[in-house]
Amino acid sequence: MLDDGRPLFIQIAELIEGGILDGTYPEETAVPSTNELAAFLRINPATAGKGLNRLVEAGVLYKKRGIGMFVAPGSRDALIARRRTQFAAEYITPLVKEASKLGLSTRDLAAMIEQEASS
């Protein structure tokens, strides 16, 4: 499930972010606790806690003392905005640069994307 070579705490944060984006964890609902994540993923609780605290620091989650961590209001929209920006930087910009090198127009790219999406 995890271990794509990146630090586990980053993968845990992204796992929770994915749950927020796909609706598994709606705003104002609890996310799994540090101990639940550690047991489920068979990792050190400190590592799970570091992943969750990363999201608290980013304002995606907030703590209710003695109760747990919850999805902050507006988190889903903020995550979508951040991921769209990352998507453009990681995929679109390099794609457009490479297409330009190959003499492909934006219309050519759009046609290629549509063809790929329909197959």
PDB file of N, CA and C in Angstrom:
ATOM      1  N   MET A   1       0.832  -1.184   0.000  1.00  0.00           N
ATOM      2  CA  MET A   1       0.000   0.000   0.000  1.00  0.00           C
ATOM      3  C   MET A   1       0.878   1.250   0.000  1.00  0.00           C
ATOM      4  N   LEU A   2       1.782   1.334   0.956  1.00  0.00           N
ATOM      5  CA  LEU A   2       2.712   2.452   1.009  1.00  0.00           C
ATOM      6  C   LEU A   2       4.081   1.951   0.572  1.00  0.00           C
ATOM      7  N   ASP A   3       5.044   2.841   0.592  1.00  0.00           N
ATOM      8  CA  ASP A   3       6.443   2.552   0.296  1.00  0.00           C
ATOM      9  C   ASP A   3       6.760   2.665  -1.180  1.00  0.00           C
ATOM     10  N   ASP A   4       6.598   3.860  -1.693  1.00  0.00           N
ATOM     11  CA  ASP A   4       6.984   4.131  -3.072  1.00  0.00           C
ATOM     12  C   ASP A   4       8.338   4.825  -3.109  1.00  0.00           C
ATOM     13  N   GLY A   5       9.087   4.715  -2.021  1.00  0.00           N
ATOM     14  CA  GLY A   5      10.412   5.309  -1.961  1.00  0.00           C
ATOM     15  C   GLY A   5      10.451   6.654  -1.265  1.00  0.00           C
ATOM     16  N   ARG A   6       9.294   7.301  -1.154  1.00  0.00           N
ATOM     17  CA  ARG A   6       9.231   8.589  -0.451  1.00  0.00           C
ATOM     18  C   ARG A   6       9.025   8.326   1.032  1.00  0.00           C
ATOM     19  N   PRO A   7       9.325   9.307   1.889  1.00  0.00           N
ATOM     20  CA  PRO A   7       9.105   9.112   3.326  1.00  0.00           C
ATOM     21  C   PRO A   7       7.658   8.695   3.621  1.00  0.00           C
ATOM     22  N   LEU A   8       7.512   7.757   4.552  1.00  0.00           N
ATOM     23  CA  LEU A   8       6.181   7.233   4.877  1.00  0.00           C
ATOM     24  C   LEU A   8       5.235   8.312   5.387  1.00  0.00           C
ATOM     25  N   PHE A   9       5.743   9.269   6.166  1.00  0.00           N
ATOM     26  CA  PHE A   9       4.839  10.287   6.705  1.00  0.00           C
ATOM     27  C   PHE A   9       4.231  11.135   5.592  1.00  0.00           C
ATOM     28  N   ILE A  10       4.968  11.350   4.514  1.00  0.00           N
ATOM     29  CA  ILE A  10       4.424  12.090   3.367  1.00  0.00           C
ATOM     30  C   ILE A  10       3.352  11.248   2.675  1.00  0.00           C
ATOM     31  N   GLN A  11       3.606   9.950   2.538  1.00  0.00           N
ATOM     32  CA  GLN A  11       2.628   9.067   1.917  1.00  0.00           C
ATOM     33  C   GLN A  11       1.351   8.983   2.757  1.00  0.00           C
ATOM     34  N   ILE A  12       1.499   9.004   4.072  1.00  0.00           N
ATOM     35  CA  ILE A  12       0.326   8.975   4.958  1.00  0.00           C
ATOM     36  C   ILE A  12      -0.484  10.259   4.792  1.00  0.00           C
ATOM     37  N   ALA A  13       0.197  11.385   4.754  1.00  0.00           N
ATOM     38  CA  ALA A  13      -0.500  12.664   4.550  1.00  0.00           C
ATOM     39  C   ALA A  13      -1.253  12.642   3.229  1.00  0.00           C
ATOM     40  N   GLU A  14      -0.621  12.141   2.176  1.00  0.00           N
ATOM     41  CA  GLU A  14      -1.272  12.079   0.866  1.00  0.00           C
ATOM     42  C   GLU A  14      -2.427  11.076   0.855  1.00  0.00           C
ATOM     43  N   LEU A  15      -2.318  10.011   1.633  1.00  0.00           N
ATOM     44  CA  LEU A  15      -3.407   9.038   1.756  1.00  0.00           C
ATOM     45  C   LEU A  15      -4.646   9.701   2.362  1.00  0.00           C
ATOM     46  N   ILE A  16      -4.445  10.474   3.417  1.00  0.00           N
ATOM     47  CA  ILE A  16      -5.560  11.182   4.053  1.00  0.00           C
ATOM     48  C   ILE A  16      -6.099  12.261   3.108  1.00  0.00           C
ATOM     49  N   GLU A  17      -5.198  12.983   2.439  1.00  0.00           N
ATOM     50  CA  GLU A  17      -5.643  13.988   1.462  1.00  0.00           C
ATOM     51  C   GLU A  17      -6.510  13.335   0.385  1.00  0.00           C
ATOM     52  N   GLY A  18      -6.091  12.173  -0.086  1.00  0.00           N
ATOM     53  CA  GLY A  18      -6.878  11.460  -1.092  1.00  0.00           C
ATOM     54  C   GLY A  18      -8.268  11.115  -0.572  1.00  0.00           C
ATOM     55  N   GLY A  19      -8.342  10.725   0.694  1.00  0.00           N
ATOM     56  CA  GLY A  19      -9.632  10.435   1.307  1.00  0.00           C
ATOM     57  C   GLY A  19     -10.519  11.662   1.418  1.00  0.00           C
ATOM     58  N   ILE A  20      -9.903  12.799   1.645  1.00  0.00           N
ATOM     59  CA  ILE A  20     -10.667  14.050   1.699  1.00  0.00           C
ATOM     60  C   ILE A  20     -11.180  14.383   0.301  1.00  0.00           C
ATOM     61  N   LEU A  21     -10.315  14.239  -0.689  1.00  0.00           N
ATOM     62  CA  LEU A  21     -10.710  14.561  -2.064  1.00  0.00           C
ATOM     63  C   LEU A  21     -11.800  13.633  -2.594  1.00  0.00           C
ATOM     64  N   ASP A  22     -11.740  12.349  -2.246  1.00  0.00           N
ATOM     65  CA  ASP A  22     -12.729  11.413  -2.794  1.00  0.00           C
ATOM     66  C   ASP A  22     -13.994  11.300  -1.940  1.00  0.00           C
ATOM     67  N   GLY A  23     -14.058  12.069  -0.858  1.00  0.00           N
ATOM     68  CA  GLY A  23     -15.265  12.094  -0.037  1.00  0.00           C
ATOM     69  C   GLY A  23     -15.288  11.094   1.099  1.00  0.00           C
ATOM     70  N   THR A  24     -14.248  10.302   1.254  1.00  0.00           N
ATOM     71  CA  THR A  24     -14.194   9.360   2.369  1.00  0.00           C
ATOM     72  C   THR A  24     -14.222  10.098   3.698  1.00  0.00           C
ATOM     73  N   TYR A  25     -13.530  11.242   3.739  1.00  0.00           N
ATOM     74  CA  TYR A  25     -13.487  12.076   4.944  1.00  0.00           C
ATOM     75  C   TYR A  25     -14.035  13.456   4.610  1.00  0.00           C
ATOM     76  N   PRO A  26     -15.347  13.639   4.731  1.00  0.00           N
ATOM     77  CA  PRO A  26     -15.932  14.969   4.479  1.00  0.00           C
ATOM     78  C   PRO A  26     -15.458  15.975   5.527  1.00  0.00           C
ATOM     79  N   GLU A  27     -15.626  17.244   5.216  1.00  0.00           N
ATOM     80  CA  GLU A  27     -15.260  18.293   6.150  1.00  0.00           C
ATOM     81  C   GLU A  27     -16.009  18.114   7.463  1.00  0.00           C
ATOM     82  N   GLU A  28     -15.308  18.418   8.541  1.00  0.00           N
ATOM     83  CA  GLU A  28     -15.831  18.329   9.915  1.00  0.00           C
ATOM     84  C   GLU A  28     -16.012  16.895  10.408  1.00  0.00           C
ATOM     85  N   THR A  29     -15.468  15.904   9.696  1.00  0.00           N
ATOM     86  CA  THR A  29     -15.526  14.528  10.186  1.00  0.00           C
ATOM     87  C   THR A  29     -14.145  14.096  10.654  1.00  0.00           C
ATOM     88  N   ALA A  30     -14.126  13.100  11.519  1.00  0.00           N
ATOM     89  CA  ALA A  30     -12.873  12.591  12.070  1.00  0.00           C
ATOM     90  C   ALA A  30     -12.125  11.761  11.032  1.00  0.00           C
ATOM     91  N   VAL A  31     -10.804  11.815  11.123  1.00  0.00           N
ATOM     92  CA  VAL A  31      -9.936  10.953  10.322  1.00  0.00           C
ATOM     93  C   VAL A  31      -9.387   9.889  11.268  1.00  0.00           C
ATOM     94  N   PRO A  32      -8.838   8.803  10.729  1.00  0.00           N
ATOM     95  CA  PRO A  32      -8.282   7.772  11.624  1.00  0.00           C
ATOM     96  C   PRO A  32      -7.222   8.365  12.559  1.00  0.00           C
ATOM     97  N   SER A  33      -7.168   7.818  13.756  1.00  0.00           N
ATOM     98  CA  SER A  33      -6.198   8.289  14.741  1.00  0.00           C
ATOM     99  C   SER A  33      -4.799   7.794  14.381  1.00  0.00           C
ATOM    100  N   THR A  34      -3.832   8.350  15.051  1.00  0.00           N
ATOM    101  CA  THR A  34      -2.440   7.933  14.873  1.00  0.00           C
ATOM    102  C   THR A  34      -2.311   6.433  15.116  1.00  0.00           C
ATOM    103  N   ASN A  35      -2.907   5.962  16.199  1.00  0.00           N
ATOM    104  CA  ASN A  35      -2.801   4.535  16.538  1.00  0.00           C
ATOM    105  C   ASN A  35      -3.546   3.656  15.537  1.00  0.00           C
ATOM    106  N   GLU A  36      -4.694   4.114  15.067  1.00  0.00           N
ATOM    107  CA  GLU A  36      -5.429   3.346  14.052  1.00  0.00           C
ATOM    108  C   GLU A  36      -4.623   3.229  12.767  1.00  0.00           C
ATOM    109  N   LEU A  37      -4.056   4.342  12.328  1.00  0.00           N
ATOM    110  CA  LEU A  37      -3.230   4.312  11.114  1.00  0.00           C
ATOM    111  C   LEU A  37      -2.021   3.406  11.298  1.00  0.00           C
ATOM    112  N   ALA A  38      -1.363   3.535  12.448  1.00  0.00           N
ATOM    113  CA  ALA A  38      -0.170   2.729  12.714  1.00  0.00           C
ATOM    114  C   ALA A  38      -0.502   1.241  12.701  1.00  0.00           C
ATOM    115  N   ALA A  39      -1.602   0.866  13.330  1.00  0.00           N
ATOM    116  CA  ALA A  39      -1.988  -0.542  13.374  1.00  0.00           C
ATOM    117  C   ALA A  39      -2.377  -1.047  11.986  1.00  0.00           C
ATOM    118  N   PHE A  40      -3.166  -0.273  11.273  1.00  0.00           N
ATOM    119  CA  PHE A  40      -3.640  -0.684   9.951  1.00  0.00           C
ATOM    120  C   PHE A  40      -2.484  -0.812   8.958  1.00  0.00           C
ATOM    121  N   LEU A  41      -1.562   0.159   8.993  1.00  0.00           N
ATOM    122  CA  LEU A  41      -0.459   0.177   8.034  1.00  0.00           C
ATOM    123  C   LEU A  41       0.782  -0.541   8.546  1.00  0.00           C
ATOM    124  N   ARG A  42       0.720  -0.989   9.810  1.00  0.00           N
ATOM    125  CA  ARG A  42       1.842  -1.686  10.441  1.00  0.00           C
ATOM    126  C   ARG A  42       3.117  -0.834  10.407  1.00  0.00           C
ATOM    127  N   ILE A  43       2.967   0.365  10.926  1.00  0.00           N
ATOM    128  CA  ILE A  43       4.085   1.301  11.001  1.00  0.00           C
ATOM    129  C   ILE A  43       4.175   1.855  12.415  1.00  0.00           C
ATOM    130  N   ASN A  44       5.251   2.575  12.685  1.00  0.00           N
ATOM    131  CA  ASN A  44       5.456   3.211  13.970  1.00  0.00           C
ATOM    132  C   ASN A  44       4.419   4.320  14.165  1.00  0.00           C
ATOM    133  N   PRO A  45       3.787   4.388  15.329  1.00  0.00           N
ATOM    134  CA  PRO A  45       2.818   5.455  15.581  1.00  0.00           C
ATOM    135  C   PRO A  45       3.403   6.860  15.409  1.00  0.00           C
ATOM    136  N   ALA A  46       4.679   7.031  15.704  1.00  0.00           N
ATOM    137  CA  ALA A  46       5.303   8.347  15.535  1.00  0.00           C
ATOM    138  C   ALA A  46       5.309   8.761  14.068  1.00  0.00           C
ATOM    139  N   THR A  47       5.495   7.806  13.183  1.00  0.00           N
ATOM    140  CA  THR A  47       5.483   8.094  11.746  1.00  0.00           C
ATOM    141  C   THR A  47       4.079   8.500  11.308  1.00  0.00           C
ATOM    142  N   ALA A  48       3.076   7.766  11.782  1.00  0.00           N
ATOM    143  CA  ALA A  48       1.685   8.104  11.453  1.00  0.00           C
ATOM    144  C   ALA A  48       1.355   9.496  11.995  1.00  0.00           C
ATOM    145  N   GLY A  49       1.796   9.769  13.221  1.00  0.00           N
ATOM    146  CA  GLY A  49       1.550  11.073  13.821  1.00  0.00           C
ATOM    147  C   GLY A  49       2.213  12.201  13.048  1.00  0.00           C
ATOM    148  N   LYS A  50       3.392  11.940  12.538  1.00  0.00           N
ATOM    149  CA  LYS A  50       4.091  12.966  11.760  1.00  0.00           C
ATOM    150  C   LYS A  50       3.314  13.292  10.482  1.00  0.00           C
ATOM    151  N   GLY A  51       2.730  12.269   9.860  1.00  0.00           N
ATOM    152  CA  GLY A  51       1.917  12.500   8.660  1.00  0.00           C
ATOM    153  C   GLY A  51       0.674  13.318   8.967  1.00  0.00           C
ATOM    154  N   LEU A  52       0.009  12.987  10.065  1.00  0.00           N
ATOM    155  CA  LEU A  52      -1.190  13.727  10.447  1.00  0.00           C
ATOM    156  C   LEU A  52      -0.839  15.157  10.862  1.00  0.00           C
ATOM    157  N   ASN A  53       0.242  15.321  11.605  1.00  0.00           N
ATOM    158  CA  ASN A  53       0.642  16.663  12.040  1.00  0.00           C
ATOM    159  C   ASN A  53       1.030  17.543  10.866  1.00  0.00           C
ATOM    160  N   ARG A  54       1.545  16.939   9.825  1.00  0.00           N
ATOM    161  CA  ARG A  54       1.861  17.695   8.608  1.00  0.00           C
ATOM    162  C   ARG A  54       0.578  18.337   8.063  1.00  0.00           C
ATOM    163  N   LEU A  55      -0.531  17.590   8.120  1.00  0.00           N
ATOM    164  CA  LEU A  55      -1.815  18.105   7.637  1.00  0.00           C
ATOM    165  C   LEU A  55      -2.395  19.154   8.590  1.00  0.00           C
ATOM    166  N   VAL A  56      -2.137  18.997   9.875  1.00  0.00           N
ATOM    167  CA  VAL A  56      -2.573  20.014  10.844  1.00  0.00           C
ATOM    168  C   VAL A  56      -1.835  21.315  10.564  1.00  0.00           C
ATOM    169  N   GLU A  57      -0.524  21.224  10.362  1.00  0.00           N
ATOM    170  CA  GLU A  57       0.290  22.417  10.087  1.00  0.00           C
ATOM    171  C   GLU A  57      -0.159  23.107   8.797  1.00  0.00           C
ATOM    172  N   ALA A  58      -0.646  22.321   7.838  1.00  0.00           N
ATOM    173  CA  ALA A  58      -1.108  22.876   6.564  1.00  0.00           C
ATOM    174  C   ALA A  58      -2.535  23.413   6.653  1.00  0.00           C
ATOM    175  N   GLY A  59      -3.191  23.192   7.799  1.00  0.00           N
ATOM    176  CA  GLY A  59      -4.557  23.673   7.961  1.00  0.00           C
ATOM    177  C   GLY A  59      -5.610  22.765   7.355  1.00  0.00           C
ATOM    178  N   VAL A  60      -5.214  21.570   6.956  1.00  0.00           N
ATOM    179  CA  VAL A  60      -6.147  20.608   6.359  1.00  0.00           C
ATOM    180  C   VAL A  60      -6.941  19.893   7.457  1.00  0.00           C
ATOM    181  N   LEU A  61      -6.272  19.609   8.564  1.00  0.00           N
ATOM    182  CA  LEU A  61      -6.909  18.968   9.717  1.00  0.00           C
ATOM    183  C   LEU A  61      -6.796  19.901  10.917  1.00  0.00           C
ATOM    184  N   TYR A  62      -7.667  19.680  11.897  1.00  0.00           N
ATOM    185  CA  TYR A  62      -7.532  20.378  13.167  1.00  0.00           C
ATOM    186  C   TYR A  62      -7.789  19.379  14.281  1.00  0.00           C
ATOM    187  N   LYS A  63      -7.207  19.667  15.435  1.00  0.00           N
ATOM    188  CA  LYS A  63      -7.306  18.769  16.587  1.00  0.00           C
ATOM    189  C   LYS A  63      -8.412  19.219  17.526  1.00  0.00           C
ATOM    190  N   LYS A  64      -9.157  18.219  18.023  1.00  0.00           N
ATOM    191  CA  LYS A  64     -10.090  18.450  19.128  1.00  0.00           C
ATOM    192  C   LYS A  64      -9.506  17.662  20.292  1.00  0.00           C
ATOM    193  N   ARG A  65      -9.017  18.381  21.259  1.00  0.00           N
ATOM    194  CA  ARG A  65      -8.321  17.754  22.382  1.00  0.00           C
ATOM    195  C   ARG A  65      -9.143  16.625  22.996  1.00  0.00           C
ATOM    196  N   GLY A  66      -8.518  15.470  23.077  1.00  0.00           N
ATOM    197  CA  GLY A  66      -9.144  14.307  23.680  1.00  0.00           C
ATOM    198  C   GLY A  66     -10.134  13.585  22.784  1.00  0.00           C
ATOM    199  N   ILE A  67     -10.397  14.122  21.614  1.00  0.00           N
ATOM    200  CA  ILE A  67     -11.379  13.509  20.714  1.00  0.00           C
ATOM    201  C   ILE A  67     -10.721  12.969  19.457  1.00  0.00           C
ATOM    202  N   GLY A  68      -9.846  13.763  18.836  1.00  0.00           N
ATOM    203  CA  GLY A  68      -9.173  13.307  17.622  1.00  0.00           C
ATOM    204  C   GLY A  68      -8.921  14.441  16.657  1.00  0.00           C
ATOM    205  N   MET A  69      -8.640  14.060  15.431  1.00  0.00           N
ATOM    206  CA  MET A  69      -8.373  15.040  14.378  1.00  0.00           C
ATOM    207  C   MET A  69      -9.516  15.015  13.381  1.00  0.00           C
ATOM    208  N   PHE A  70      -9.849  16.218  12.911  1.00  0.00           N
ATOM    209  CA  PHE A  70     -10.992  16.401  12.036  1.00  0.00           C
ATOM    210  C   PHE A  70     -10.592  17.190  10.798  1.00  0.00           C
ATOM    211  N   VAL A  71     -11.351  16.988   9.725  1.00  0.00           N
ATOM    212  CA  VAL A  71     -11.109  17.696   8.482  1.00  0.00           C
ATOM    213  C   VAL A  71     -11.604  19.127   8.640  1.00  0.00           C
ATOM    214  N   ALA A  72     -10.717  20.064   8.370  1.00  0.00           N
ATOM    215  CA  ALA A  72     -11.043  21.486   8.517  1.00  0.00           C
ATOM    216  C   ALA A  72     -11.984  21.944   7.406  1.00  0.00           C
ATOM    217  N   PRO A  73     -12.861  22.887   7.715  1.00  0.00           N
ATOM    218  CA  PRO A  73     -13.729  23.458   6.682  1.00  0.00           C
ATOM    219  C   PRO A  73     -12.891  24.087   5.562  1.00  0.00           C
ATOM    220  N   GLY A  74     -13.302  23.866   4.332  1.00  0.00           N
ATOM    221  CA  GLY A  74     -12.602  24.419   3.184  1.00  0.00           C
ATOM    222  C   GLY A  74     -11.401  23.615   2.721  1.00  0.00           C
ATOM    223  N   SER A  75     -11.090  22.539   3.434  1.00  0.00           N
ATOM    224  CA  SER A  75      -9.909  21.739   3.098  1.00  0.00           C
ATOM    225  C   SER A  75      -9.987  21.110   1.717  1.00  0.00           C
ATOM    226  N   ARG A  76     -11.134  20.589   1.376  1.00  0.00           N
ATOM    227  CA  ARG A  76     -11.262  19.923   0.078  1.00  0.00           C
ATOM    228  C   ARG A  76     -10.983  20.898  -1.060  1.00  0.00           C
ATOM    229  N   ASP A  77     -11.594  22.063  -0.999  1.00  0.00           N
ATOM    230  CA  ASP A  77     -11.376  23.064  -2.048  1.00  0.00           C
ATOM    231  C   ASP A  77      -9.920  23.514  -2.101  1.00  0.00           C
ATOM    232  N   ALA A  78      -9.299  23.685  -0.922  1.00  0.00           N
ATOM    233  CA  ALA A  78      -7.889  24.094  -0.874  1.00  0.00           C
ATOM    234  C   ALA A  78      -6.990  23.011  -1.457  1.00  0.00           C
ATOM    235  N   LEU A  79      -7.301  21.742  -1.157  1.00  0.00           N
ATOM    236  CA  LEU A  79      -6.512  20.639  -1.707  1.00  0.00           C
ATOM    237  C   LEU A  79      -6.656  20.557  -3.222  1.00  0.00           C
ATOM    238  N   ILE A  80      -7.873  20.746  -3.706  1.00  0.00           N
ATOM    239  CA  ILE A  80      -8.098  20.720  -5.156  1.00  0.00           C
ATOM    240  C   ILE A  80      -7.298  21.827  -5.826  1.00  0.00           C
ATOM    241  N   ALA A  81      -7.338  23.020  -5.268  1.00  0.00           N
ATOM    242  CA  ALA A  81      -6.595  24.145  -5.852  1.00  0.00           C
ATOM    243  C   ALA A  81      -5.096  23.857  -5.858  1.00  0.00           C
ATOM    244  N   ARG A  82      -4.581  23.354  -4.739  1.00  0.00           N
ATOM    245  CA  ARG A  82      -3.152  23.049  -4.657  1.00  0.00           C
ATOM    246  C   ARG A  82      -2.758  21.953  -5.640  1.00  0.00           C
ATOM    247  N   ARG A  83      -3.567  20.911  -5.730  1.00  0.00           N
ATOM    248  CA  ARG A  83      -3.242  19.801  -6.631  1.00  0.00           C
ATOM    249  C   ARG A  83      -3.361  20.200  -8.100  1.00  0.00           C
ATOM    250  N   ARG A  84      -4.288  21.098  -8.423  1.00  0.00           N
ATOM    251  CA  ARG A  84      -4.381  21.588  -9.803  1.00  0.00           C
ATOM    252  C   ARG A  84      -3.118  22.353 -10.182  1.00  0.00           C
ATOM    253  N   THR A  85      -2.647  23.166  -9.264  1.00  0.00           N
ATOM    254  CA  THR A  85      -1.405  23.904  -9.514  1.00  0.00           C
ATOM    255  C   THR A  85      -0.242  22.940  -9.685  1.00  0.00           C
ATOM    256  N   GLN A  86      -0.151  21.940  -8.810  1.00  0.00           N
ATOM    257  CA  GLN A  86       0.910  20.929  -8.919  1.00  0.00           C
ATOM    258  C   GLN A  86       0.781  20.151 -10.224  1.00  0.00           C
ATOM    259  N   PHE A  87      -0.438  19.817 -10.594  1.00  0.00           N
ATOM    260  CA  PHE A  87      -0.677  19.068 -11.826  1.00  0.00           C
ATOM    261  C   PHE A  87      -0.156  19.845 -13.030  1.00  0.00           C
ATOM    262  N   ALA A  88      -0.467  21.127 -13.063  1.00  0.00           N
ATOM    263  CA  ALA A  88       0.004  21.956 -14.173  1.00  0.00           C
ATOM    264  C   ALA A  88       1.522  21.989 -14.217  1.00  0.00           C
ATOM    265  N   ALA A  89       2.141  22.177 -13.051  1.00  0.00           N
ATOM    266  CA  ALA A  89       3.602  22.267 -13.007  1.00  0.00           C
ATOM    267  C   ALA A  89       4.280  20.944 -13.343  1.00  0.00           C
ATOM    268  N   GLU A  90       3.704  19.840 -12.876  1.00  0.00           N
ATOM    269  CA  GLU A  90       4.342  18.531 -13.059  1.00  0.00           C
ATOM    270  C   GLU A  90       4.029  17.876 -14.395  1.00  0.00           C
ATOM    271  N   TYR A  91       2.858  18.159 -14.961  1.00  0.00           N
ATOM    272  CA  TYR A  91       2.446  17.448 -16.164  1.00  0.00           C
ATOM    273  C   TYR A  91       2.209  18.349 -17.371  1.00  0.00           C
ATOM    274  N   ILE A  92       1.433  19.410 -17.184  1.00  0.00           N
ATOM    275  CA  ILE A  92       1.039  20.236 -18.321  1.00  0.00           C
ATOM    276  C   ILE A  92       2.229  21.016 -18.885  1.00  0.00           C
ATOM    277  N   THR A  93       2.970  21.686 -18.022  1.00  0.00           N
ATOM    278  CA  THR A  93       4.106  22.478 -18.504  1.00  0.00           C
ATOM    279  C   THR A  93       5.109  21.624 -19.271  1.00  0.00           C
ATOM    280  N   PRO A  94       5.544  20.484 -18.717  1.00  0.00           N
ATOM    281  CA  PRO A  94       6.470  19.640 -19.487  1.00  0.00           C
ATOM    282  C   PRO A  94       5.840  19.090 -20.771  1.00  0.00           C
ATOM    283  N   LEU A  95       4.554  18.783 -20.736  1.00  0.00           N
ATOM    284  CA  LEU A  95       3.854  18.274 -21.910  1.00  0.00           C
ATOM    285  C   LEU A  95       3.856  19.313 -23.027  1.00  0.00           C
ATOM    286  N   VAL A  96       3.515  20.538 -22.683  1.00  0.00           N
ATOM    287  CA  VAL A  96       3.460  21.608 -23.676  1.00  0.00           C
ATOM    288  C   VAL A  96       4.855  21.889 -24.241  1.00  0.00           C
ATOM    289  N   LYS A  97       5.867  21.873 -23.392  1.00  0.00           N
ATOM    290  CA  LYS A  97       7.244  22.094 -23.861  1.00  0.00           C
ATOM    291  C   LYS A  97       7.679  20.997 -24.833  1.00  0.00           C
ATOM    292  N   GLU A  98       7.390  19.757 -24.475  1.00  0.00           N
ATOM    293  CA  GLU A  98       7.770  18.642 -25.356  1.00  0.00           C
ATOM    294  C   GLU A  98       6.982  18.688 -26.656  1.00  0.00           C
ATOM    295  N   ALA A  99       5.708  19.015 -26.589  1.00  0.00           N
ATOM    296  CA  ALA A  99       4.888  19.123 -27.790  1.00  0.00           C
ATOM    297  C   ALA A  99       5.442  20.199 -28.715  1.00  0.00           C
ATOM    298  N   SER A 100       5.867  21.293 -28.131  1.00  0.00           N
ATOM    299  CA  SER A 100       6.441  22.372 -28.929  1.00  0.00           C
ATOM    300  C   SER A 100       7.697  21.903 -29.655  1.00  0.00           C
ATOM    301  N   LYS A 101       8.528  21.144 -28.972  1.00  0.00           N
ATOM    302  CA  LYS A 101       9.743  20.596 -29.590  1.00  0.00           C
ATOM    303  C   LYS A 101       9.399  19.690 -30.771  1.00  0.00           C
ATOM    304  N   LEU A 102       8.268  19.008 -30.663  1.00  0.00           N
ATOM    305  CA  LEU A 102       7.850  18.061 -31.703  1.00  0.00           C
ATOM    306  C   LEU A 102       6.992  18.712 -32.778  1.00  0.00           C
ATOM    307  N   GLY A 103       6.718  19.998 -32.621  1.00  0.00           N
ATOM    308  CA  GLY A 103       5.913  20.702 -33.613  1.00  0.00           C
ATOM    309  C   GLY A 103       4.430  20.410 -33.512  1.00  0.00           C
ATOM    310  N   LEU A 104       3.979  19.990 -32.332  1.00  0.00           N
ATOM    311  CA  LEU A 104       2.561  19.702 -32.131  1.00  0.00           C
ATOM    312  C   LEU A 104       1.848  20.966 -31.645  1.00  0.00           C
ATOM    313  N   SER A 105       0.699  21.243 -32.202  1.00  0.00           N
ATOM    314  CA  SER A 105      -0.091  22.397 -31.780  1.00  0.00           C
ATOM    315  C   SER A 105      -0.937  22.019 -30.569  1.00  0.00           C
ATOM    316  N   THR A 106      -1.539  23.015 -29.947  1.00  0.00           N
ATOM    317  CA  THR A 106      -2.445  22.728 -28.831  1.00  0.00           C
ATOM    318  C   THR A 106      -3.638  21.916 -29.314  1.00  0.00           C
ATOM    319  N   ARG A 107      -4.051  22.146 -30.545  1.00  0.00           N
ATOM    320  CA  ARG A 107      -5.150  21.369 -31.128  1.00  0.00           C
ATOM    321  C   ARG A 107      -4.726  19.905 -31.272  1.00  0.00           C
ATOM    322  N   ASP A 108      -3.479  19.670 -31.719  1.00  0.00           N
ATOM    323  CA  ASP A 108      -2.952  18.311 -31.820  1.00  0.00           C
ATOM    324  C   ASP A 108      -2.938  17.633 -30.446  1.00  0.00           C
ATOM    325  N   LEU A 109      -2.472  18.382 -29.449  1.00  0.00           N
ATOM    326  CA  LEU A 109      -2.440  17.839 -28.088  1.00  0.00           C
ATOM    327  C   LEU A 109      -3.838  17.484 -27.602  1.00  0.00           C
ATOM    328  N   ALA A 110      -4.777  18.388 -27.816  1.00  0.00           N
ATOM    329  CA  ALA A 110      -6.153  18.139 -27.387  1.00  0.00           C
ATOM    330  C   ALA A 110      -6.707  16.883 -28.056  1.00  0.00           C
ATOM    331  N   ALA A 111      -6.435  16.720 -29.334  1.00  0.00           N
ATOM    332  CA  ALA A 111      -6.905  15.530 -30.053  1.00  0.00           C
ATOM    333  C   ALA A 111      -6.267  14.270 -29.486  1.00  0.00           C
ATOM    334  N   MET A 112      -4.981  14.338 -29.162  1.00  0.00           N
ATOM    335  CA  MET A 112      -4.287  13.181 -28.596  1.00  0.00           C
ATOM    336  C   MET A 112      -4.857  12.830 -27.230  1.00  0.00           C
ATOM    337  N   ILE A 113      -5.141  13.843 -26.429  1.00  0.00           N
ATOM    338  CA  ILE A 113      -5.707  13.617 -25.096  1.00  0.00           C
ATOM    339  C   ILE A 113      -7.096  13.021 -25.208  1.00  0.00           C
ATOM    340  N   GLU A 114      -7.913  13.560 -26.095  1.00  0.00           N
ATOM    341  CA  GLU A 114      -9.266  13.019 -26.291  1.00  0.00           C
ATOM    342  C   GLU A 114      -9.214  11.570 -26.760  1.00  0.00           C
ATOM    343  N   GLN A 115      -8.301  11.274 -27.659  1.00  0.00           N
ATOM    344  CA  GLN A 115      -8.160   9.900 -28.156  1.00  0.00           C
ATOM    345  C   GLN A 115      -7.751   8.960 -27.024  1.00  0.00           C
ATOM    346  N   GLU A 116      -6.812   9.401 -26.217  1.00  0.00           N
ATOM    347  CA  GLU A 116      -6.357   8.576 -25.092  1.00  0.00           C
ATOM    348  C   GLU A 116      -7.472   8.374 -24.066  1.00  0.00           C
ATOM    349  N   ALA A 117      -8.224   9.422 -23.800  1.00  0.00           N
ATOM    350  CA  ALA A 117      -9.310   9.343 -22.817  1.00  0.00           C
ATOM    351  C   ALA A 117     -10.421   8.418 -23.277  1.00  0.00           C
ATOM    352  N   SER A 118     -10.632   8.316 -24.576  1.00  0.00           N
ATOM    353  CA  SER A 118     -11.723   7.485 -25.074  1.00  0.00           C
ATOM    354  C   SER A 118     -11.306   6.030 -25.299  1.00  0.00           C
ATOM    355  N   SER A 119     -10.031   5.745 -25.158  1.00  0.00           N
ATOM    356  CA  SER A 119      -9.602   4.334 -25.364  1.00  0.00           C
ATOM    357  C   SER A 119      -9.520   3.558 -24.095  1.00  0.00           C
TER     358      SER A 119
END
